[in-house]
C-alpha cells in the first residue's frame, strides 16, 4: 500500500470527528466509504497540538487493525489519555491541530547509514526498556543521527550512548506525516 495515496484530509477529518463525538459522549460512526478508504493496515501515531504546543501523542506500531478503527481510538487516547498532559478541553477544539503519522513495519538496522533523517523514526530496545521517536522529531529539532539516537535512548530510560551497546537493538521505520 502506498501511504501517499491515502486521503489525508479524510483521515484527519475522521480523527477530529472522533474527538467532537467523544465530547458529546457518542461513539464514532464510521461510514462504509470510510471503511473502504481507510482499510489499510498500517502503524499510526496521532499527535494533538493546541496553539502549536504538544498536548498528546499516542500510537501503535501494529499492522493488525485497519486505519478506520485505529485512528479514532488513537485520536481520543492522545487527547484524553496521554499521562504527560492535561486532557483536551472542548473549548480548545478551535485551536487544536491534529497530525497523523502513518508507519511502515520497523526494521532492525545494522548500519547507521540505513537511517535517513526526516524519513525514518527510531526505536531503541534493551530488555523491557523501549523508546520510540517519530521521523519528524529529528527534523523539528535539527538533530543529526547521533543526537537522534541519544534522545531515543533517553526516551527508553537508557543512557544517551547506550545505542552503541551490543545488547541494544535499534530499529528504523519509515513514516509519512499527514
C-alpha atoms as a PDB file:
ATOM      1  CA  UNK A   1       0.000   0.000   0.000  1.00  0.00           C
ATOM      2  CA  UNK A   2       1.314   3.402  -0.969  1.00  0.00           C
ATOM      3  CA  UNK A   3       0.898   5.616   2.081  1.00  0.00           C
ATOM      4  CA  UNK A   4       0.849   8.678  -0.156  1.00  0.00           C
ATOM      5  CA  UNK A   5      -2.388   7.502  -1.798  1.00  0.00           C
ATOM      6  CA  UNK A   6      -4.388   7.723   1.454  1.00  0.00           C
ATOM      7  CA  UNK A   7      -6.860  10.619   1.664  1.00  0.00           C
ATOM      8  CA  UNK A   8      -5.078  12.667   4.327  1.00  0.00           C
ATOM      9  CA  UNK A   9      -7.866  15.247   4.720  1.00  0.00           C
ATOM     10  CA  UNK A  10     -10.446  12.499   5.148  1.00  0.00           C
ATOM     11  CA  UNK A  11      -8.335  10.662   7.708  1.00  0.00           C
ATOM     12  CA  UNK A  12      -7.682  13.839   9.709  1.00  0.00           C
ATOM     13  CA  UNK A  13     -11.395  14.627   9.479  1.00  0.00           C
ATOM     14  CA  UNK A  14     -12.183  11.218  10.952  1.00  0.00           C
ATOM     15  CA  UNK A  15      -9.783  11.885  13.845  1.00  0.00           C
ATOM     16  CA  UNK A  16     -11.291  15.333  14.518  1.00  0.00           C
ATOM     17  CA  UNK A  17     -14.843  13.975  14.314  1.00  0.00           C
ATOM     18  CA  UNK A  18     -13.958  11.269  16.842  1.00  0.00           C
ATOM     19  CA  UNK A  19     -12.868  13.983  19.296  1.00  0.00           C
ATOM     20  CA  UNK A  20     -16.034  16.009  18.776  1.00  0.00           C
ATOM     21  CA  UNK A  21     -18.154  12.914  19.288  1.00  0.00           C
ATOM     22  CA  UNK A  22     -16.166  11.989  22.410  1.00  0.00           C
ATOM     23  CA  UNK A  23     -17.077  15.363  23.926  1.00  0.00           C
ATOM     24  CA  UNK A  24     -20.712  14.586  23.099  1.00  0.00           C
ATOM     25  CA  UNK A  25     -20.277  11.116  24.669  1.00  0.00           C
ATOM     26  CA  UNK A  26     -21.142   9.425  21.383  1.00  0.00           C
ATOM     27  CA  UNK A  27     -19.390   6.593  19.632  1.00  0.00           C
ATOM     28  CA  UNK A  28     -17.787   7.496  16.313  1.00  0.00           C
ATOM     29  CA  UNK A  29     -19.894   6.251  13.432  1.00  0.00           C
ATOM     30  CA  UNK A  30     -17.730   5.040  10.564  1.00  0.00           C
ATOM     31  CA  UNK A  31     -19.299   5.141   7.120  1.00  0.00           C
ATOM     32  CA  UNK A  32     -18.889   2.337   4.604  1.00  0.00           C
ATOM     33  CA  UNK A  33     -16.948   4.689   2.326  1.00  0.00           C
ATOM     34  CA  UNK A  34     -14.533   5.475   5.214  1.00  0.00           C
ATOM     35  CA  UNK A  35     -14.113   1.769   5.874  1.00  0.00           C
ATOM     36  CA  UNK A  36     -13.152   1.278   2.232  1.00  0.00           C
ATOM     37  CA  UNK A  37     -10.940   4.366   2.003  1.00  0.00           C
ATOM     38  CA  UNK A  38      -9.087   3.645   5.250  1.00  0.00           C
ATOM     39  CA  UNK A  39      -8.837  -0.146   5.130  1.00  0.00           C
ATOM     40  CA  UNK A  40      -5.020  -0.077   5.058  1.00  0.00           C
ATOM     41  CA  UNK A  41      -3.409  -1.863   7.980  1.00  0.00           C
ATOM     42  CA  UNK A  42      -0.523   0.377   8.985  1.00  0.00           C
ATOM     43  CA  UNK A  43       1.026   1.559  12.203  1.00  0.00           C
ATOM     44  CA  UNK A  44      -0.063   5.053  13.181  1.00  0.00           C
ATOM     45  CA  UNK A  45       0.506   7.832  15.689  1.00  0.00           C
ATOM     46  CA  UNK A  46      -1.854  10.715  16.344  1.00  0.00           C
ATOM     47  CA  UNK A  47      -0.353  13.935  17.681  1.00  0.00           C
ATOM     48  CA  UNK A  48      -2.543  16.646  19.204  1.00  0.00           C
ATOM     49  CA  UNK A  49      -1.268  20.222  19.404  1.00  0.00           C
ATOM     50  CA  UNK A  50      -3.102  23.205  20.878  1.00  0.00           C
ATOM     51  CA  UNK A  51      -1.844  26.599  19.717  1.00  0.00           C
ATOM     52  CA  UNK A  52       1.244  24.805  18.388  1.00  0.00           C
ATOM     53  CA  UNK A  53       2.080  23.163  21.725  1.00  0.00           C
ATOM     54  CA  UNK A  54       2.149  19.400  22.110  1.00  0.00           C
ATOM     55  CA  UNK A  55      -0.841  18.136  24.125  1.00  0.00           C
ATOM     56  CA  UNK A  56      -0.760  14.436  23.379  1.00  0.00           C
ATOM     57  CA  UNK A  57       0.800  11.807  21.168  1.00  0.00           C
ATOM     58  CA  UNK A  58      -0.259   8.171  21.178  1.00  0.00           C
ATOM     59  CA  UNK A  59       0.350   5.487  18.604  1.00  0.00           C
ATOM     60  CA  UNK A  60       0.607   1.856  17.767  1.00  0.00           C
ATOM     61  CA  UNK A  61       3.113   0.103  15.530  1.00  0.00           C
ATOM     62  CA  UNK A  62       0.942  -2.941  14.923  1.00  0.00           C
ATOM     63  CA  UNK A  63      -0.480  -3.575  11.480  1.00  0.00           C
ATOM     64  CA  UNK A  64      -3.345  -5.769  12.646  1.00  0.00           C
ATOM     65  CA  UNK A  65      -6.258  -3.326  12.510  1.00  0.00           C
ATOM     66  CA  UNK A  66      -7.375  -1.007   9.700  1.00  0.00           C
ATOM     67  CA  UNK A  67      -6.874   2.746   9.944  1.00  0.00           C
ATOM     68  CA  UNK A  68     -10.634   3.390  10.138  1.00  0.00           C
ATOM     69  CA  UNK A  69     -10.727   1.704  13.561  1.00  0.00           C
ATOM     70  CA  UNK A  70      -7.262   2.705  14.762  1.00  0.00           C
ATOM     71  CA  UNK A  71      -7.323   6.470  14.080  1.00  0.00           C
ATOM     72  CA  UNK A  72     -10.418   7.375  16.176  1.00  0.00           C
ATOM     73  CA  UNK A  73      -9.070   5.284  19.065  1.00  0.00           C
ATOM     74  CA  UNK A  74      -5.621   6.901  18.890  1.00  0.00           C
ATOM     75  CA  UNK A  75      -7.011  10.428  18.498  1.00  0.00           C
ATOM     76  CA  UNK A  76      -9.085  10.035  21.647  1.00  0.00           C
ATOM     77  CA  UNK A  77      -6.179   8.470  23.535  1.00  0.00           C
ATOM     78  CA  UNK A  78      -3.844  11.308  22.504  1.00  0.00           C
ATOM     79  CA  UNK A  79      -6.407  13.930  23.506  1.00  0.00           C
ATOM     80  CA  UNK A  80      -7.575  12.429  26.787  1.00  0.00           C
ATOM     81  CA  UNK A  81      -5.185   9.717  27.995  1.00  0.00           C
ATOM     82  CA  UNK A  82      -1.590  10.879  27.425  1.00  0.00           C
ATOM     83  CA  UNK A  83      -0.404  11.000  31.030  1.00  0.00           C
ATOM     84  CA  UNK A  84       2.105  13.756  30.275  1.00  0.00           C
ATOM     85  CA  UNK A  85      -0.665  16.305  29.680  1.00  0.00           C
ATOM     86  CA  UNK A  86      -3.997  17.524  30.952  1.00  0.00           C
ATOM     87  CA  UNK A  87      -6.902  16.116  28.911  1.00  0.00           C
ATOM     88  CA  UNK A  88      -8.058  18.224  25.987  1.00  0.00           C
ATOM     89  CA  UNK A  89     -10.981  20.516  26.794  1.00  0.00           C
ATOM     90  CA  UNK A  90     -13.917  21.110  24.484  1.00  0.00           C
ATOM     91  CA  UNK A  91     -13.210  24.857  24.375  1.00  0.00           C
ATOM     92  CA  UNK A  92      -9.728  24.097  22.939  1.00  0.00           C
ATOM     93  CA  UNK A  93     -11.033  22.319  19.833  1.00  0.00           C
ATOM     94  CA  UNK A  94     -10.828  25.510  17.745  1.00  0.00           C
ATOM     95  CA  UNK A  95      -7.086  25.801  18.429  1.00  0.00           C
ATOM     96  CA  UNK A  96      -6.388  22.083  18.021  1.00  0.00           C
ATOM     97  CA  UNK A  97      -4.214  20.724  15.223  1.00  0.00           C
ATOM     98  CA  UNK A  98      -4.183  17.001  14.527  1.00  0.00           C
ATOM     99  CA  UNK A  99      -1.165  15.362  12.948  1.00  0.00           C
ATOM    100  CA  UNK A 100      -1.218  11.741  11.865  1.00  0.00           C
ATOM    101  CA  UNK A 101       1.934   9.774  11.141  1.00  0.00           C
ATOM    102  CA  UNK A 102       1.453   6.573   9.165  1.00  0.00           C
ATOM    103  CA  UNK A 103       4.151   3.984   9.717  1.00  0.00           C
ATOM    104  CA  UNK A 104       5.658   1.112   7.814  1.00  0.00           C
ATOM    105  CA  UNK A 105       6.824  -2.010   9.663  1.00  0.00           C
ATOM    106  CA  UNK A 106      10.008  -1.424  11.768  1.00  0.00           C
ATOM    107  CA  UNK A 107      13.250  -2.993  10.509  1.00  0.00           C
ATOM    108  CA  UNK A 108      16.286  -3.700  12.688  1.00  0.00           C
ATOM    109  CA  UNK A 109      19.326  -1.779  11.472  1.00  0.00           C
ATOM    110  CA  UNK A 110      22.901  -2.973  11.404  1.00  0.00           C
ATOM    111  CA  UNK A 111      24.479   0.155   9.927  1.00  0.00           C
ATOM    112  CA  UNK A 112      23.623   3.777  10.744  1.00  0.00           C
ATOM    113  CA  UNK A 113      23.819   4.653   7.052  1.00  0.00           C
ATOM    114  CA  UNK A 114      20.434   2.924   6.705  1.00  0.00           C
ATOM    115  CA  UNK A 115      18.753   5.747   8.659  1.00  0.00           C
ATOM    116  CA  UNK A 116      17.565   8.810   6.734  1.00  0.00           C
ATOM    117  CA  UNK A 117      16.726  11.828   8.891  1.00  0.00           C
ATOM    118  CA  UNK A 118      13.230  13.031   8.032  1.00  0.00           C
ATOM    119  CA  UNK A 119      12.130   9.721   6.544  1.00  0.00           C
ATOM    120  CA  UNK A 120      12.836   7.336   9.408  1.00  0.00           C
ATOM    121  CA  UNK A 121      11.774   7.146  13.010  1.00  0.00           C
ATOM    122  CA  UNK A 122      13.751   5.167  15.561  1.00  0.00           C
ATOM    123  CA  UNK A 123      13.023   2.516  18.153  1.00  0.00           C
ATOM    124  CA  UNK A 124      15.641   1.502  20.704  1.00  0.00           C
ATOM    125  CA  UNK A 125      15.170  -1.587  22.888  1.00  0.00           C
ATOM    126  CA  UNK A 126      17.084  -3.177  25.723  1.00  0.00           C
ATOM    127  CA  UNK A 127      15.223  -5.798  27.704  1.00  0.00           C
ATOM    128  CA  UNK A 128      11.923  -4.258  28.790  1.00  0.00           C
ATOM    129  CA  UNK A 129      13.107  -0.708  28.021  1.00  0.00           C
ATOM    130  CA  UNK A 130      11.843   0.769  24.779  1.00  0.00           C
ATOM    131  CA  UNK A 131      11.926   4.255  23.299  1.00  0.00           C
ATOM    132  CA  UNK A 132      10.384   5.482  20.072  1.00  0.00           C
ATOM    133  CA  UNK A 133      10.724   8.814  18.314  1.00  0.00           C
ATOM    134  CA  UNK A 134       8.821   9.698  15.142  1.00  0.00           C
ATOM    135  CA  UNK A 135      10.661  10.822  11.982  1.00  0.00           C
ATOM    136  CA  UNK A 136       9.594  14.453  12.320  1.00  0.00           C
ATOM    137  CA  UNK A 137      11.161  14.829  15.789  1.00  0.00           C
ATOM    138  CA  UNK A 138      14.732  14.876  14.441  1.00  0.00           C
ATOM    139  CA  UNK A 139      13.779  17.380  11.752  1.00  0.00           C
ATOM    140  CA  UNK A 140      11.902  19.680  14.161  1.00  0.00           C
ATOM    141  CA  UNK A 141      14.948  19.823  16.460  1.00  0.00           C
ATOM    142  CA  UNK A 142      17.644  19.867  13.755  1.00  0.00           C
ATOM    143  CA  UNK A 143      19.265  16.683  15.075  1.00  0.00           C
ATOM    144  CA  UNK A 144      21.919  14.626  13.351  1.00  0.00           C
ATOM    145  CA  UNK A 145      21.803  10.823  13.578  1.00  0.00           C
ATOM    146  CA  UNK A 146      23.888  10.607  16.772  1.00  0.00           C
ATOM    147  CA  UNK A 147      21.691  13.136  18.592  1.00  0.00           C
ATOM    148  CA  UNK A 148      18.563  11.343  17.342  1.00  0.00           C
ATOM    149  CA  UNK A 149      19.899   8.035  18.684  1.00  0.00           C
ATOM    150  CA  UNK A 150      20.850   9.628  22.024  1.00  0.00           C
ATOM    151  CA  UNK A 151      17.379  11.111  22.519  1.00  0.00           C
ATOM    152  CA  UNK A 152      15.720   7.824  21.589  1.00  0.00           C
ATOM    153  CA  UNK A 153      17.864   6.131  24.254  1.00  0.00           C
ATOM    154  CA  UNK A 154      16.805   8.754  26.804  1.00  0.00           C
ATOM    155  CA  UNK A 155      13.153   8.164  25.868  1.00  0.00           C
ATOM    156  CA  UNK A 156      13.759   4.456  26.597  1.00  0.00           C
ATOM    157  CA  UNK A 157      15.171   5.330  30.019  1.00  0.00           C
ATOM    158  CA  UNK A 158      18.702   4.451  28.931  1.00  0.00           C
ATOM    159  CA  UNK A 159      21.928   6.432  28.877  1.00  0.00           C
ATOM    160  CA  UNK A 160      22.432   8.582  25.730  1.00  0.00           C
ATOM    161  CA  UNK A 161      25.205   6.406  24.271  1.00  0.00           C
ATOM    162  CA  UNK A 162      23.642   3.035  25.100  1.00  0.00           C
ATOM    163  CA  UNK A 163      22.681   2.589  21.428  1.00  0.00           C
ATOM    164  CA  UNK A 164      26.317   1.561  20.880  1.00  0.00           C
ATOM    165  CA  UNK A 165      26.000  -1.391  23.280  1.00  0.00           C
ATOM    166  CA  UNK A 166      25.803  -4.901  21.828  1.00  0.00           C
ATOM    167  CA  UNK A 167      22.685  -5.756  23.875  1.00  0.00           C
ATOM    168  CA  UNK A 168      20.668  -2.837  22.469  1.00  0.00           C
ATOM    169  CA  UNK A 169      18.550  -3.264  19.362  1.00  0.00           C
ATOM    170  CA  UNK A 170      17.956  -0.300  17.046  1.00  0.00           C
ATOM    171  CA  UNK A 171      15.081  -0.267  14.557  1.00  0.00           C
ATOM    172  CA  UNK A 172      14.073   2.237  11.932  1.00  0.00           C
ATOM    173  CA  UNK A 173      10.662   2.710  10.411  1.00  0.00           C
ATOM    174  CA  UNK A 174       9.501   4.901   7.585  1.00  0.00           C
ATOM    175  CA  UNK A 175       6.787   7.342   8.462  1.00  0.00           C
ATOM    176  CA  UNK A 176       4.668   9.762   6.476  1.00  0.00           C
ATOM    177  CA  UNK A 177       3.157  12.746   8.260  1.00  0.00           C
ATOM    178  CA  UNK A 178      -0.285  13.844   7.119  1.00  0.00           C
END
